[in-house]
Amino acid sequence: MIYGLTKGTDFEKLCDGAAKAEAAGVMTYYALARMTKEQGYPEV
């Protein structure tokens, strides 16, 4: 994910973890939005 001076450092691992957490959050949001739409609450 990160190249150059930070490659292989703890900072790279931290950034990788943050990116994965962000992606998981987005997927959760879309799953919940889809569920609410199916339940008849499209405005959520």
PDB file of N, CA and C in Angstrom:
ATOM      1  N   MET A   1       0.816  -1.188   0.000  1.00  0.00           N
ATOM      2  CA  MET A   1       0.000   0.000   0.000  1.00  0.00           C
ATOM      3  C   MET A   1       0.863   1.257   0.000  1.00  0.00           C
ATOM      4  N   ILE A   2       1.841   1.341   0.869  1.00  0.00           N
ATOM      5  CA  ILE A   2       2.700   2.517   0.951  1.00  0.00           C
ATOM      6  C   ILE A   2       4.099   2.116   0.504  1.00  0.00           C
ATOM      7  N   TYR A   3       4.689   2.935  -0.336  1.00  0.00           N
ATOM      8  CA  TYR A   3       6.020   2.644  -0.837  1.00  0.00           C
ATOM      9  C   TYR A   3       6.983   3.746  -0.429  1.00  0.00           C
ATOM     10  N   GLY A   4       8.252   3.454  -0.454  1.00  0.00           N
ATOM     11  CA  GLY A   4       9.259   4.450  -0.123  1.00  0.00           C
ATOM     12  C   GLY A   4       9.784   4.239   1.281  1.00  0.00           C
ATOM     13  N   LEU A   5       9.961   5.327   2.001  1.00  0.00           N
ATOM     14  CA  LEU A   5      10.577   5.270   3.329  1.00  0.00           C
ATOM     15  C   LEU A   5       9.758   4.510   4.353  1.00  0.00           C
ATOM     16  N   THR A   6       8.451   4.473   4.192  1.00  0.00           N
ATOM     17  CA  THR A   6       7.602   3.798   5.180  1.00  0.00           C
ATOM     18  C   THR A   6       7.383   2.318   4.887  1.00  0.00           C
ATOM     19  N   LYS A   7       7.850   1.844   3.748  1.00  0.00           N
ATOM     20  CA  LYS A   7       7.660   0.443   3.369  1.00  0.00           C
ATOM     21  C   LYS A   7       8.281  -0.483   4.402  1.00  0.00           C
ATOM     22  N   GLY A   8       7.472  -1.390   4.925  1.00  0.00           N
ATOM     23  CA  GLY A   8       7.958  -2.371   5.886  1.00  0.00           C
ATOM     24  C   GLY A   8       8.017  -1.877   7.325  1.00  0.00           C
ATOM     25  N   THR A   9       7.504  -0.674   7.584  1.00  0.00           N
ATOM     26  CA  THR A   9       7.545  -0.129   8.942  1.00  0.00           C
ATOM     27  C   THR A   9       6.209  -0.344   9.653  1.00  0.00           C
ATOM     28  N   ASP A  10       6.204  -0.024  10.937  1.00  0.00           N
ATOM     29  CA  ASP A  10       4.968  -0.117  11.711  1.00  0.00           C
ATOM     30  C   ASP A  10       3.911   0.848  11.177  1.00  0.00           C
ATOM     31  N   PHE A  11       4.356   1.990  10.655  1.00  0.00           N
ATOM     32  CA  PHE A  11       3.416   2.968  10.100  1.00  0.00           C
ATOM     33  C   PHE A  11       2.658   2.388   8.915  1.00  0.00           C
ATOM     34  N   GLU A  12       3.335   1.629   8.083  1.00  0.00           N
ATOM     35  CA  GLU A  12       2.671   0.995   6.939  1.00  0.00           C
ATOM     36  C   GLU A  12       1.604   0.028   7.433  1.00  0.00           C
ATOM     37  N   LYS A  13       1.923  -0.736   8.469  1.00  0.00           N
ATOM     38  CA  LYS A  13       0.950  -1.679   9.025  1.00  0.00           C
ATOM     39  C   LYS A  13      -0.259  -0.936   9.601  1.00  0.00           C
ATOM     40  N   LEU A  14      -0.015   0.172  10.260  1.00  0.00           N
ATOM     41  CA  LEU A  14      -1.086   0.977  10.822  1.00  0.00           C
ATOM     42  C   LEU A  14      -2.002   1.505   9.718  1.00  0.00           C
ATOM     43  N   CYS A  15      -1.424   2.015   8.658  1.00  0.00           N
ATOM     44  CA  CYS A  15      -2.209   2.533   7.532  1.00  0.00           C
ATOM     45  C   CYS A  15      -2.993   1.425   6.847  1.00  0.00           C
ATOM     46  N   ASP A  16      -2.400   0.259   6.712  1.00  0.00           N
ATOM     47  CA  ASP A  16      -3.078  -0.869   6.097  1.00  0.00           C
ATOM     48  C   ASP A  16      -4.287  -1.273   6.938  1.00  0.00           C
ATOM     49  N   GLY A  17      -4.106  -1.308   8.245  1.00  0.00           N
ATOM     50  CA  GLY A  17      -5.220  -1.646   9.130  1.00  0.00           C
ATOM     51  C   GLY A  17      -6.333  -0.615   9.060  1.00  0.00           C
ATOM     52  N   ALA A  18      -5.980   0.659   8.991  1.00  0.00           N
ATOM     53  CA  ALA A  18      -6.979   1.722   8.896  1.00  0.00           C
ATOM     54  C   ALA A  18      -7.747   1.624   7.579  1.00  0.00           C
ATOM     55  N   ALA A  19      -7.069   1.319   6.501  1.00  0.00           N
ATOM     56  CA  ALA A  19      -7.728   1.183   5.199  1.00  0.00           C
ATOM     57  C   ALA A  19      -8.699   0.008   5.202  1.00  0.00           C
ATOM     58  N   LYS A  20      -8.305  -1.098   5.807  1.00  0.00           N
ATOM     59  CA  LYS A  20      -9.191  -2.265   5.887  1.00  0.00           C
ATOM     60  C   LYS A  20     -10.404  -1.967   6.753  1.00  0.00           C
ATOM     61  N   ALA A  21     -10.201  -1.239   7.858  1.00  0.00           N
ATOM     62  CA  ALA A  21     -11.319  -0.874   8.726  1.00  0.00           C
ATOM     63  C   ALA A  21     -12.298   0.039   7.998  1.00  0.00           C
ATOM     64  N   GLU A  22     -11.780   0.975   7.228  1.00  0.00           N
ATOM     65  CA  GLU A  22     -12.627   1.881   6.455  1.00  0.00           C
ATOM     66  C   GLU A  22     -13.452   1.104   5.439  1.00  0.00           C
ATOM     67  N   ALA A  23     -12.834   0.167   4.755  1.00  0.00           N
ATOM     68  CA  ALA A  23     -13.540  -0.637   3.761  1.00  0.00           C
ATOM     69  C   ALA A  23     -14.631  -1.475   4.420  1.00  0.00           C
ATOM     70  N   ALA A  24     -14.338  -2.035   5.582  1.00  0.00           N
ATOM     71  CA  ALA A  24     -15.337  -2.833   6.300  1.00  0.00           C
ATOM     72  C   ALA A  24     -16.511  -1.955   6.729  1.00  0.00           C
ATOM     73  N   GLY A  25     -16.229  -0.736   7.155  1.00  0.00           N
ATOM     74  CA  GLY A  25     -17.285   0.184   7.554  1.00  0.00           C
ATOM     75  C   GLY A  25     -18.197   0.547   6.398  1.00  0.00           C
ATOM     76  N   VAL A  26     -17.603   0.774   5.239  1.00  0.00           N
ATOM     77  CA  VAL A  26     -18.389   1.103   4.049  1.00  0.00           C
ATOM     78  C   VAL A  26     -19.287  -0.064   3.666  1.00  0.00           C
ATOM     79  N   MET A  27     -18.753  -1.261   3.696  1.00  0.00           N
ATOM     80  CA  MET A  27     -19.544  -2.441   3.349  1.00  0.00           C
ATOM     81  C   MET A  27     -20.696  -2.635   4.338  1.00  0.00           C
ATOM     82  N   THR A  28     -20.451  -2.391   5.612  1.00  0.00           N
ATOM     83  CA  THR A  28     -21.502  -2.502   6.623  1.00  0.00           C
ATOM     84  C   THR A  28     -22.596  -1.475   6.370  1.00  0.00           C
ATOM     85  N   TYR A  29     -22.196  -0.248   6.057  1.00  0.00           N
ATOM     86  CA  TYR A  29     -23.162   0.814   5.771  1.00  0.00           C
ATOM     87  C   TYR A  29     -24.057   0.422   4.596  1.00  0.00           C
ATOM     88  N   TYR A  30     -23.459  -0.047   3.513  1.00  0.00           N
ATOM     89  CA  TYR A  30     -24.255  -0.406   2.345  1.00  0.00           C
ATOM     90  C   TYR A  30     -25.160  -1.597   2.623  1.00  0.00           C
ATOM     91  N   ALA A  31     -24.693  -2.546   3.413  1.00  0.00           N
ATOM     92  CA  ALA A  31     -25.540  -3.690   3.764  1.00  0.00           C
ATOM     93  C   ALA A  31     -26.743  -3.233   4.584  1.00  0.00           C
ATOM     94  N   LEU A  32     -26.518  -2.347   5.545  1.00  0.00           N
ATOM     95  CA  LEU A  32     -27.623  -1.840   6.361  1.00  0.00           C
ATOM     96  C   LEU A  32     -28.585  -0.989   5.532  1.00  0.00           C
ATOM     97  N   ALA A  33     -28.039  -0.182   4.628  1.00  0.00           N
ATOM     98  CA  ALA A  33     -28.887   0.633   3.763  1.00  0.00           C
ATOM     99  C   ALA A  33     -29.768  -0.244   2.881  1.00  0.00           C
ATOM    100  N   ARG A  34     -29.225  -1.315   2.393  1.00  0.00           N
ATOM    101  CA  ARG A  34     -30.004  -2.220   1.548  1.00  0.00           C
ATOM    102  C   ARG A  34     -31.099  -2.912   2.359  1.00  0.00           C
ATOM    103  N   MET A  35     -30.746  -3.320   3.571  1.00  0.00           N
ATOM    104  CA  MET A  35     -31.737  -3.966   4.432  1.00  0.00           C
ATOM    105  C   MET A  35     -32.890  -3.018   4.752  1.00  0.00           C
ATOM    106  N   THR A  36     -32.583  -1.762   5.068  1.00  0.00           N
ATOM    107  CA  THR A  36     -33.649  -0.821   5.404  1.00  0.00           C
ATOM    108  C   THR A  36     -34.527  -0.542   4.189  1.00  0.00           C
ATOM    109  N   LYS A  37     -33.939  -0.488   3.011  1.00  0.00           N
ATOM    110  CA  LYS A  37     -34.728  -0.272   1.802  1.00  0.00           C
ATOM    111  C   LYS A  37     -35.669  -1.459   1.575  1.00  0.00           C
ATOM    112  N   GLU A  38     -35.175  -2.674   1.815  1.00  0.00           N
ATOM    113  CA  GLU A  38     -36.004  -3.864   1.646  1.00  0.00           C
ATOM    114  C   GLU A  38     -37.131  -3.903   2.688  1.00  0.00           C
ATOM    115  N   GLN A  39     -36.898  -3.296   3.839  1.00  0.00           N
ATOM    116  CA  GLN A  39     -37.908  -3.258   4.889  1.00  0.00           C
ATOM    117  C   GLN A  39     -38.912  -2.125   4.705  1.00  0.00           C
ATOM    118  N   GLY A  40     -38.698  -1.300   3.679  1.00  0.00           N
ATOM    119  CA  GLY A  40     -39.620  -0.218   3.395  1.00  0.00           C
ATOM    120  C   GLY A  40     -39.227   1.132   3.957  1.00  0.00           C
ATOM    121  N   TYR A  41     -37.970   1.298   4.282  1.00  0.00           N
ATOM    122  CA  TYR A  41     -37.473   2.577   4.786  1.00  0.00           C
ATOM    123  C   TYR A  41     -36.391   3.131   3.863  1.00  0.00           C
ATOM    124  N   PRO A  42     -36.756   3.546   2.657  1.00  0.00           N
ATOM    125  CA  PRO A  42     -35.750   3.983   1.676  1.00  0.00           C
ATOM    126  C   PRO A  42     -35.018   5.276   2.059  1.00  0.00           C
ATOM    127  N   GLU A  43     -35.592   6.067   2.979  1.00  0.00           N
ATOM    128  CA  GLU A  43     -34.979   7.345   3.319  1.00  0.00           C
ATOM    129  C   GLU A  43     -33.786   7.214   4.261  1.00  0.00           C
ATOM    130  N   VAL A  44     -33.563   6.053   4.823  1.00  0.00           N
ATOM    131  CA  VAL A  44     -32.452   5.861   5.764  1.00  0.00           C
ATOM    132  C   VAL A  44     -31.138   5.827   5.025  1.00  0.00           C
TER     133      VAL A  44
END
